[in-house]
Amino acid sequence: MNALLDTFRWLGQERRLLVVALGVLIVITALAVVGASHETRNMYREIQVLQKEQDDLESEYEKLVLEQSAWANNTRVDQIAR
């Protein structure tokens, strides 16, 4: 800690302000990086949920198309019509 104080004493007033300003900017930048990383994780999780929902819906659609083709079979329609 004394080394840091000695360095501050050695620096001129303008340099001290510059060092403090740069330190504040570094902290702000670090917080922005943490926030961006958190947001990225949340978006990735949401993408995974939506992709699973899409897969489920595509599977259900394929089943419904198969069922529709079974119900629309010409033989079945003839049997019902008679």
PDB file of N, CA and C in Angstrom:
ATOM      1  N   MET A   1       0.830  -1.191   0.000  1.00  0.00           N
ATOM      2  CA  MET A   1       0.000   0.000   0.000  1.00  0.00           C
ATOM      3  C   MET A   1       0.870   1.249   0.000  1.00  0.00           C
ATOM      4  N   ASN A   2       1.984   1.195   0.750  1.00  0.00           N
ATOM      5  CA  ASN A   2       2.889   2.343   0.787  1.00  0.00           C
ATOM      6  C   ASN A   2       3.484   2.626  -0.581  1.00  0.00           C
ATOM      7  N   ALA A   3       3.749   1.577  -1.350  1.00  0.00           N
ATOM      8  CA  ALA A   3       4.308   1.775  -2.684  1.00  0.00           C
ATOM      9  C   ALA A   3       3.325   2.536  -3.560  1.00  0.00           C
ATOM     10  N   LEU A   4       2.057   2.226  -3.420  1.00  0.00           N
ATOM     11  CA  LEU A   4       1.033   2.931  -4.193  1.00  0.00           C
ATOM     12  C   LEU A   4       0.965   4.398  -3.782  1.00  0.00           C
ATOM     13  N   LEU A   5       1.017   4.644  -2.477  1.00  0.00           N
ATOM     14  CA  LEU A   5       0.998   6.030  -2.004  1.00  0.00           C
ATOM     15  C   LEU A   5       2.237   6.785  -2.457  1.00  0.00           C
ATOM     16  N   ASP A   6       3.390   6.120  -2.411  1.00  0.00           N
ATOM     17  CA  ASP A   6       4.622   6.760  -2.878  1.00  0.00           C
ATOM     18  C   ASP A   6       4.520   7.103  -4.358  1.00  0.00           C
ATOM     19  N   THR A   7       3.936   6.216  -5.132  1.00  0.00           N
ATOM     20  CA  THR A   7       3.767   6.479  -6.560  1.00  0.00           C
ATOM     21  C   THR A   7       2.843   7.672  -6.768  1.00  0.00           C
ATOM     22  N   PHE A   8       1.764   7.751  -5.994  1.00  0.00           N
ATOM     23  CA  PHE A   8       0.845   8.878  -6.110  1.00  0.00           C
ATOM     24  C   PHE A   8       1.527  10.184  -5.717  1.00  0.00           C
ATOM     25  N   ARG A   9       2.358  10.145  -4.674  1.00  0.00           N
ATOM     26  CA  ARG A   9       3.069  11.359  -4.262  1.00  0.00           C
ATOM     27  C   ARG A   9       4.044  11.802  -5.342  1.00  0.00           C
ATOM     28  N   TRP A  10       4.641  10.832  -6.006  1.00  0.00           N
ATOM     29  CA  TRP A  10       5.634  11.133  -7.032  1.00  0.00           C
ATOM     30  C   TRP A  10       4.988  11.784  -8.250  1.00  0.00           C
ATOM     31  N   LEU A  11       3.777  11.319  -8.575  1.00  0.00           N
ATOM     32  CA  LEU A  11       3.086  11.875  -9.738  1.00  0.00           C
ATOM     33  C   LEU A  11       2.626  13.300  -9.456  1.00  0.00           C
ATOM     34  N   GLY A  12       2.542  14.094 -10.499  1.00  0.00           N
ATOM     35  CA  GLY A  12       2.016  15.445 -10.349  1.00  0.00           C
ATOM     36  C   GLY A  12       0.500  15.402 -10.235  1.00  0.00           C
ATOM     37  N   GLN A  13      -0.080  16.541  -9.916  1.00  0.00           N
ATOM     38  CA  GLN A  13      -1.535  16.629  -9.735  1.00  0.00           C
ATOM     39  C   GLN A  13      -2.285  16.188 -10.996  1.00  0.00           C
ATOM     40  N   GLU A  14      -1.837  16.632 -12.167  1.00  0.00           N
ATOM     41  CA  GLU A  14      -2.526  16.264 -13.405  1.00  0.00           C
ATOM     42  C   GLU A  14      -2.414  14.771 -13.679  1.00  0.00           C
ATOM     43  N   ARG A  15      -1.251  14.230 -13.381  1.00  0.00           N
ATOM     44  CA  ARG A  15      -1.055  12.793 -13.589  1.00  0.00           C
ATOM     45  C   ARG A  15      -1.939  11.988 -12.644  1.00  0.00           C
ATOM     46  N   ARG A  16      -2.086  12.455 -11.441  1.00  0.00           N
ATOM     47  CA  ARG A  16      -2.946  11.742 -10.476  1.00  0.00           C
ATOM     48  C   ARG A  16      -4.378  11.685 -10.991  1.00  0.00           C
ATOM     49  N   LEU A  17      -4.842  12.814 -11.481  1.00  0.00           N
ATOM     50  CA  LEU A  17      -6.206  12.847 -12.020  1.00  0.00           C
ATOM     51  C   LEU A  17      -6.341  11.902 -13.206  1.00  0.00           C
ATOM     52  N   LEU A  18      -5.316  11.858 -14.041  1.00  0.00           N
ATOM     53  CA  LEU A  18      -5.342  10.962 -15.188  1.00  0.00           C
ATOM     54  C   LEU A  18      -5.381   9.502 -14.740  1.00  0.00           C
ATOM     55  N   VAL A  19      -4.566   9.155 -13.746  1.00  0.00           N
ATOM     56  CA  VAL A  19      -4.540   7.778 -13.241  1.00  0.00           C
ATOM     57  C   VAL A  19      -5.884   7.408 -12.629  1.00  0.00           C
ATOM     58  N   VAL A  20      -6.462   8.305 -11.854  1.00  0.00           N
ATOM     59  CA  VAL A  20      -7.766   8.034 -11.237  1.00  0.00           C
ATOM     60  C   VAL A  20      -8.840   7.898 -12.315  1.00  0.00           C
ATOM     61  N   ALA A  21      -8.821   8.792 -13.299  1.00  0.00           N
ATOM     62  CA  ALA A  21      -9.814   8.726 -14.377  1.00  0.00           C
ATOM     63  C   ALA A  21      -9.683   7.418 -15.150  1.00  0.00           C
ATOM     64  N   LEU A  22      -8.449   7.019 -15.448  1.00  0.00           N
ATOM     65  CA  LEU A  22      -8.255   5.749 -16.156  1.00  0.00           C
ATOM     66  C   LEU A  22      -8.709   4.565 -15.307  1.00  0.00           C
ATOM     67  N   GLY A  23      -8.458   4.625 -14.010  1.00  0.00           N
ATOM     68  CA  GLY A  23      -8.923   3.560 -13.117  1.00  0.00           C
ATOM     69  C   GLY A  23     -10.438   3.447 -13.117  1.00  0.00           C
ATOM     70  N   VAL A  24     -11.110   4.595 -13.073  1.00  0.00           N
ATOM     71  CA  VAL A  24     -12.579   4.602 -13.104  1.00  0.00           C
ATOM     72  C   VAL A  24     -13.081   4.036 -14.434  1.00  0.00           C
ATOM     73  N   LEU A  25     -12.442   4.424 -15.524  1.00  0.00           N
ATOM     74  CA  LEU A  25     -12.848   3.905 -16.833  1.00  0.00           C
ATOM     75  C   LEU A  25     -12.631   2.398 -16.933  1.00  0.00           C
ATOM     76  N   ILE A  26     -11.556   1.907 -16.341  1.00  0.00           N
ATOM     77  CA  ILE A  26     -11.309   0.460 -16.344  1.00  0.00           C
ATOM     78  C   ILE A  26     -12.404  -0.274 -15.582  1.00  0.00           C
ATOM     79  N   VAL A  27     -12.806   0.265 -14.436  1.00  0.00           N
ATOM     80  CA  VAL A  27     -13.866  -0.372 -13.645  1.00  0.00           C
ATOM     81  C   VAL A  27     -15.185  -0.352 -14.413  1.00  0.00           C
ATOM     82  N   ILE A  28     -15.499   0.771 -15.036  1.00  0.00           N
ATOM     83  CA  ILE A  28     -16.743   0.865 -15.815  1.00  0.00           C
ATOM     84  C   ILE A  28     -16.725  -0.131 -16.970  1.00  0.00           C
ATOM     85  N   THR A  29     -15.591  -0.226 -17.647  1.00  0.00           N
ATOM     86  CA  THR A  29     -15.470  -1.172 -18.759  1.00  0.00           C
ATOM     87  C   THR A  29     -15.615  -2.609 -18.277  1.00  0.00           C
ATOM     88  N   ALA A  30     -15.007  -2.918 -17.145  1.00  0.00           N
ATOM     89  CA  ALA A  30     -15.113  -4.278 -16.597  1.00  0.00           C
ATOM     90  C   ALA A  30     -16.564  -4.614 -16.273  1.00  0.00           C
ATOM     91  N   LEU A  31     -17.283  -3.670 -15.692  1.00  0.00           N
ATOM     92  CA  LEU A  31     -18.701  -3.908 -15.383  1.00  0.00           C
ATOM     93  C   LEU A  31     -19.518  -4.089 -16.659  1.00  0.00           C
ATOM     94  N   ALA A  32     -19.180  -3.345 -17.702  1.00  0.00           N
ATOM     95  CA  ALA A  32     -19.884  -3.500 -18.981  1.00  0.00           C
ATOM     96  C   ALA A  32     -19.624  -4.879 -19.576  1.00  0.00           C
ATOM     97  N   VAL A  33     -18.401  -5.371 -19.451  1.00  0.00           N
ATOM     98  CA  VAL A  33     -18.075  -6.709 -19.963  1.00  0.00           C
ATOM     99  C   VAL A  33     -18.854  -7.770 -19.197  1.00  0.00           C
ATOM    100  N   VAL A  34     -18.928  -7.624 -17.881  1.00  0.00           N
ATOM    101  CA  VAL A  34     -19.686  -8.587 -17.070  1.00  0.00           C
ATOM    102  C   VAL A  34     -21.159  -8.569 -17.468  1.00  0.00           C
ATOM    103  N   GLY A  35     -21.717  -7.381 -17.650  1.00  0.00           N
ATOM    104  CA  GLY A  35     -23.120  -7.270 -18.060  1.00  0.00           C
ATOM    105  C   GLY A  35     -23.369  -7.881 -19.427  1.00  0.00           C
ATOM    106  N   ALA A  36     -22.468  -7.638 -20.358  1.00  0.00           N
ATOM    107  CA  ALA A  36     -22.620  -8.200 -21.704  1.00  0.00           C
ATOM    108  C   ALA A  36     -22.514  -9.721 -21.678  1.00  0.00           C
ATOM    109  N   SER A  37     -21.609 -10.249 -20.867  1.00  0.00           N
ATOM    110  CA  SER A  37     -21.470 -11.708 -20.751  1.00  0.00           C
ATOM    111  C   SER A  37     -22.741 -12.325 -20.176  1.00  0.00           C
ATOM    112  N   HIS A  38     -23.298 -11.682 -19.170  1.00  0.00           N
ATOM    113  CA  HIS A  38     -24.533 -12.183 -18.556  1.00  0.00           C
ATOM    114  C   HIS A  38     -25.677 -12.173 -19.573  1.00  0.00           C
ATOM    115  N   GLU A  39     -25.793 -11.090 -20.314  1.00  0.00           N
ATOM    116  CA  GLU A  39     -26.850 -10.984 -21.324  1.00  0.00           C
ATOM    117  C   GLU A  39     -26.672 -12.041 -22.412  1.00  0.00           C
ATOM    118  N   THR A  40     -25.422 -12.296 -22.796  1.00  0.00           N
ATOM    119  CA  THR A  40     -25.147 -13.316 -23.812  1.00  0.00           C
ATOM    120  C   THR A  40     -25.577 -14.692 -23.325  1.00  0.00           C
ATOM    121  N   ARG A  41     -25.271 -15.009 -22.066  1.00  0.00           N
ATOM    122  CA  ARG A  41     -25.692 -16.305 -21.510  1.00  0.00           C
ATOM    123  C   ARG A  41     -27.211 -16.424 -21.505  1.00  0.00           C
ATOM    124  N   ASN A  42     -27.892 -15.361 -21.110  1.00  0.00           N
ATOM    125  CA  ASN A  42     -29.362 -15.394 -21.092  1.00  0.00           C
ATOM    126  C   ASN A  42     -29.936 -15.597 -22.491  1.00  0.00           C
ATOM    127  N   MET A  43     -29.379 -14.908 -23.476  1.00  0.00           N
ATOM    128  CA  MET A  43     -29.865 -15.058 -24.853  1.00  0.00           C
ATOM    129  C   MET A  43     -29.591 -16.460 -25.382  1.00  0.00           C
ATOM    130  N   TYR A  44     -28.437 -17.017 -25.056  1.00  0.00           N
ATOM    131  CA  TYR A  44     -28.112 -18.370 -25.510  1.00  0.00           C
ATOM    132  C   TYR A  44     -29.088 -19.381 -24.905  1.00  0.00           C
ATOM    133  N   ARG A  45     -29.409 -19.198 -23.626  1.00  0.00           N
ATOM    134  CA  ARG A  45     -30.369 -20.086 -22.971  1.00  0.00           C
ATOM    135  C   ARG A  45     -31.733 -19.973 -23.648  1.00  0.00           C
ATOM    136  N   GLU A  46     -32.143 -18.758 -23.981  1.00  0.00           N
ATOM    137  CA  GLU A  46     -33.431 -18.553 -24.648  1.00  0.00           C
ATOM    138  C   GLU A  46     -33.441 -19.194 -26.038  1.00  0.00           C
ATOM    139  N   ILE A  47     -32.327 -19.099 -26.753  1.00  0.00           N
ATOM    140  CA  ILE A  47     -32.231 -19.740 -28.072  1.00  0.00           C
ATOM    141  C   ILE A  47     -32.411 -21.243 -27.941  1.00  0.00           C
ATOM    142  N   GLN A  48     -31.794 -21.841 -26.928  1.00  0.00           N
ATOM    143  CA  GLN A  48     -31.924 -23.288 -26.742  1.00  0.00           C
ATOM    144  C   GLN A  48     -33.371 -23.677 -26.464  1.00  0.00           C
ATOM    145  N   VAL A  49     -34.056 -22.900 -25.641  1.00  0.00           N
ATOM    146  CA  VAL A  49     -35.465 -23.187 -25.336  1.00  0.00           C
ATOM    147  C   VAL A  49     -36.311 -23.081 -26.603  1.00  0.00           C
ATOM    148  N   LEU A  50     -36.081 -22.033 -27.395  1.00  0.00           N
ATOM    149  CA  LEU A  50     -36.853 -21.844 -28.624  1.00  0.00           C
ATOM    150  C   LEU A  50     -36.553 -22.926 -29.659  1.00  0.00           C
ATOM    151  N   GLN A  51     -35.301 -23.382 -29.730  1.00  0.00           N
ATOM    152  CA  GLN A  51     -34.965 -24.449 -30.670  1.00  0.00           C
ATOM    153  C   GLN A  51     -35.643 -25.756 -30.269  1.00  0.00           C
ATOM    154  N   LYS A  52     -35.727 -26.028 -28.966  1.00  0.00           N
ATOM    155  CA  LYS A  52     -36.422 -27.237 -28.516  1.00  0.00           C
ATOM    156  C   LYS A  52     -37.903 -27.139 -28.856  1.00  0.00           C
ATOM    157  N   GLU A  53     -38.488 -25.973 -28.637  1.00  0.00           N
ATOM    158  CA  GLU A  53     -39.901 -25.779 -28.980  1.00  0.00           C
ATOM    159  C   GLU A  53     -40.116 -25.961 -30.485  1.00  0.00           C
ATOM    160  N   GLN A  54     -39.203 -25.454 -31.292  1.00  0.00           N
ATOM    161  CA  GLN A  54     -39.305 -25.620 -32.743  1.00  0.00           C
ATOM    162  C   GLN A  54     -39.233 -27.094 -33.118  1.00  0.00           C
ATOM    163  N   ASP A  55     -38.319 -27.832 -32.518  1.00  0.00           N
ATOM    164  CA  ASP A  55     -38.208 -29.266 -32.798  1.00  0.00           C
ATOM    165  C   ASP A  55     -39.491 -30.001 -32.425  1.00  0.00           C
ATOM    166  N   ASP A  56     -40.055 -29.654 -31.259  1.00  0.00           N
ATOM    167  CA  ASP A  56     -41.302 -30.291 -30.824  1.00  0.00           C
ATOM    168  C   ASP A  56     -42.442 -29.988 -31.796  1.00  0.00           C
ATOM    169  N   LEU A  57     -42.532 -28.735 -32.236  1.00  0.00           N
ATOM    170  CA  LEU A  57     -43.597 -28.358 -33.167  1.00  0.00           C
ATOM    171  C   LEU A  57     -43.423 -29.032 -34.524  1.00  0.00           C
ATOM    172  N   GLU A  58     -42.194 -29.148 -34.988  1.00  0.00           N
ATOM    173  CA  GLU A  58     -41.955 -29.839 -36.263  1.00  0.00           C
ATOM    174  C   GLU A  58     -42.337 -31.313 -36.160  1.00  0.00           C
ATOM    175  N   SER A  59     -42.040 -31.928 -35.035  1.00  0.00           N
ATOM    176  CA  SER A  59     -42.398 -33.328 -34.830  1.00  0.00           C
ATOM    177  C   SER A  59     -43.919 -33.497 -34.824  1.00  0.00           C
ATOM    178  N   GLU A  60     -44.604 -32.601 -34.123  1.00  0.00           N
ATOM    179  CA  GLU A  60     -46.067 -32.661 -34.081  1.00  0.00           C
ATOM    180  C   GLU A  60     -46.657 -32.432 -35.476  1.00  0.00           C
ATOM    181  N   TYR A  61     -46.084 -31.514 -36.230  1.00  0.00           N
ATOM    182  CA  TYR A  61     -46.553 -31.241 -37.589  1.00  0.00           C
ATOM    183  C   TYR A  61     -46.424 -32.485 -38.464  1.00  0.00           C
ATOM    184  N   GLU A  62     -45.285 -33.168 -38.368  1.00  0.00           N
ATOM    185  CA  GLU A  62     -45.087 -34.387 -39.161  1.00  0.00           C
ATOM    186  C   GLU A  62     -46.127 -35.448 -38.803  1.00  0.00           C
ATOM    187  N   LYS A  63     -46.443 -35.579 -37.526  1.00  0.00           N
ATOM    188  CA  LYS A  63     -47.466 -36.542 -37.102  1.00  0.00           C
ATOM    189  C   LYS A  63     -48.833 -36.163 -37.668  1.00  0.00           C
ATOM    190  N   LEU A  64     -49.142 -34.863 -37.641  1.00  0.00           N
ATOM    191  CA  LEU A  64     -50.435 -34.414 -38.157  1.00  0.00           C
ATOM    192  C   LEU A  64     -50.542 -34.608 -39.667  1.00  0.00           C
ATOM    193  N   VAL A  65     -49.457 -34.386 -40.386  1.00  0.00           N
ATOM    194  CA  VAL A  65     -49.466 -34.611 -41.837  1.00  0.00           C
ATOM    195  C   VAL A  65     -49.698 -36.084 -42.125  1.00  0.00           C
ATOM    196  N   LEU A  66     -49.062 -36.954 -41.368  1.00  0.00           N
ATOM    197  CA  LEU A  66     -49.249 -38.393 -41.539  1.00  0.00           C
ATOM    198  C   LEU A  66     -50.693 -38.782 -41.229  1.00  0.00           C
ATOM    199  N   GLU A  67     -51.237 -38.226 -40.153  1.00  0.00           N
ATOM    200  CA  GLU A  67     -52.625 -38.518 -39.795  1.00  0.00           C
ATOM    201  C   GLU A  67     -53.577 -38.007 -40.876  1.00  0.00           C
ATOM    202  N   GLN A  68     -53.308 -36.826 -41.400  1.00  0.00           N
ATOM    203  CA  GLN A  68     -54.154 -36.274 -42.459  1.00  0.00           C
ATOM    204  C   GLN A  68     -54.124 -37.157 -43.700  1.00  0.00           C
ATOM    205  N   SER A  69     -52.962 -37.658 -44.041  1.00  0.00           N
ATOM    206  CA  SER A  69     -52.883 -38.526 -45.226  1.00  0.00           C
ATOM    207  C   SER A  69     -53.640 -39.826 -44.984  1.00  0.00           C
ATOM    208  N   ALA A  70     -53.650 -40.307 -43.747  1.00  0.00           N
ATOM    209  CA  ALA A  70     -54.403 -41.525 -43.439  1.00  0.00           C
ATOM    210  C   ALA A  70     -55.905 -41.265 -43.537  1.00  0.00           C
ATOM    211  N   TRP A  71     -56.362 -40.126 -43.037  1.00  0.00           N
ATOM    212  CA  TRP A  71     -57.782 -39.807 -43.081  1.00  0.00           C
ATOM    213  C   TRP A  71     -58.240 -39.482 -44.502  1.00  0.00           C
ATOM    214  N   ALA A  72     -57.351 -38.982 -45.321  1.00  0.00           N
ATOM    215  CA  ALA A  72     -57.729 -38.588 -46.682  1.00  0.00           C
ATOM    216  C   ALA A  72     -57.509 -39.708 -47.688  1.00  0.00           C
ATOM    217  N   ASN A  73     -57.192 -40.889 -47.225  1.00  0.00           N
ATOM    218  CA  ASN A  73     -56.965 -42.040 -48.100  1.00  0.00           C
ATOM    219  C   ASN A  73     -58.231 -42.292 -48.926  1.00  0.00           C
ATOM    220  N   ASN A  74     -58.074 -42.490 -50.236  1.00  0.00           N
ATOM    221  CA  ASN A  74     -59.227 -42.671 -51.134  1.00  0.00           C
ATOM    222  C   ASN A  74     -60.091 -43.855 -50.729  1.00  0.00           C
ATOM    223  N   THR A  75     -59.493 -44.934 -50.301  1.00  0.00           N
ATOM    224  CA  THR A  75     -60.259 -46.115 -49.894  1.00  0.00           C
ATOM    225  C   THR A  75     -61.152 -45.777 -48.710  1.00  0.00           C
ATOM    226  N   ARG A  76     -60.622 -45.087 -47.764  1.00  0.00           N
ATOM    227  CA  ARG A  76     -61.395 -44.716 -46.578  1.00  0.00           C
ATOM    228  C   ARG A  76     -62.535 -43.775 -46.965  1.00  0.00           C
ATOM    229  N   VAL A  77     -62.269 -42.823 -47.831  1.00  0.00           N
ATOM    230  CA  VAL A  77     -63.307 -41.883 -48.263  1.00  0.00           C
ATOM    231  C   VAL A  77     -64.423 -42.640 -48.983  1.00  0.00           C
ATOM    232  N   ASP A  78     -64.061 -43.611 -49.830  1.00  0.00           N
ATOM    233  CA  ASP A  78     -65.071 -44.423 -50.525  1.00  0.00           C
ATOM    234  C   ASP A  78     -65.931 -45.201 -49.533  1.00  0.00           C
ATOM    235  N   GLN A  79     -65.297 -45.785 -48.539  1.00  0.00           N
ATOM    236  CA  GLN A  79     -66.040 -46.576 -47.550  1.00  0.00           C
ATOM    237  C   GLN A  79     -67.025 -45.698 -46.790  1.00  0.00           C
ATOM    238  N   ILE A  80     -66.607 -44.528 -46.429  1.00  0.00           N
ATOM    239  CA  ILE A  80     -67.490 -43.636 -45.676  1.00  0.00           C
ATOM    240  C   ILE A  80     -68.622 -43.126 -46.575  1.00  0.00           C
ATOM    241  N   ALA A  81     -68.330 -42.878 -47.830  1.00  0.00           N
ATOM    242  CA  ALA A  81     -69.330 -42.341 -48.757  1.00  0.00           C
ATOM    243  C   ALA A  81     -70.415 -43.367 -49.058  1.00  0.00           C
ATOM    244  N   ARG A  82     -70.126 -44.641 -48.988  1.00  0.00           N
ATOM    245  CA  ARG A  82     -71.120 -45.670 -49.348  1.00  0.00           C
ATOM    246  C   ARG A  82     -71.981 -46.000 -48.214  1.00  0.00           C
TER     247      ARG A  82
END
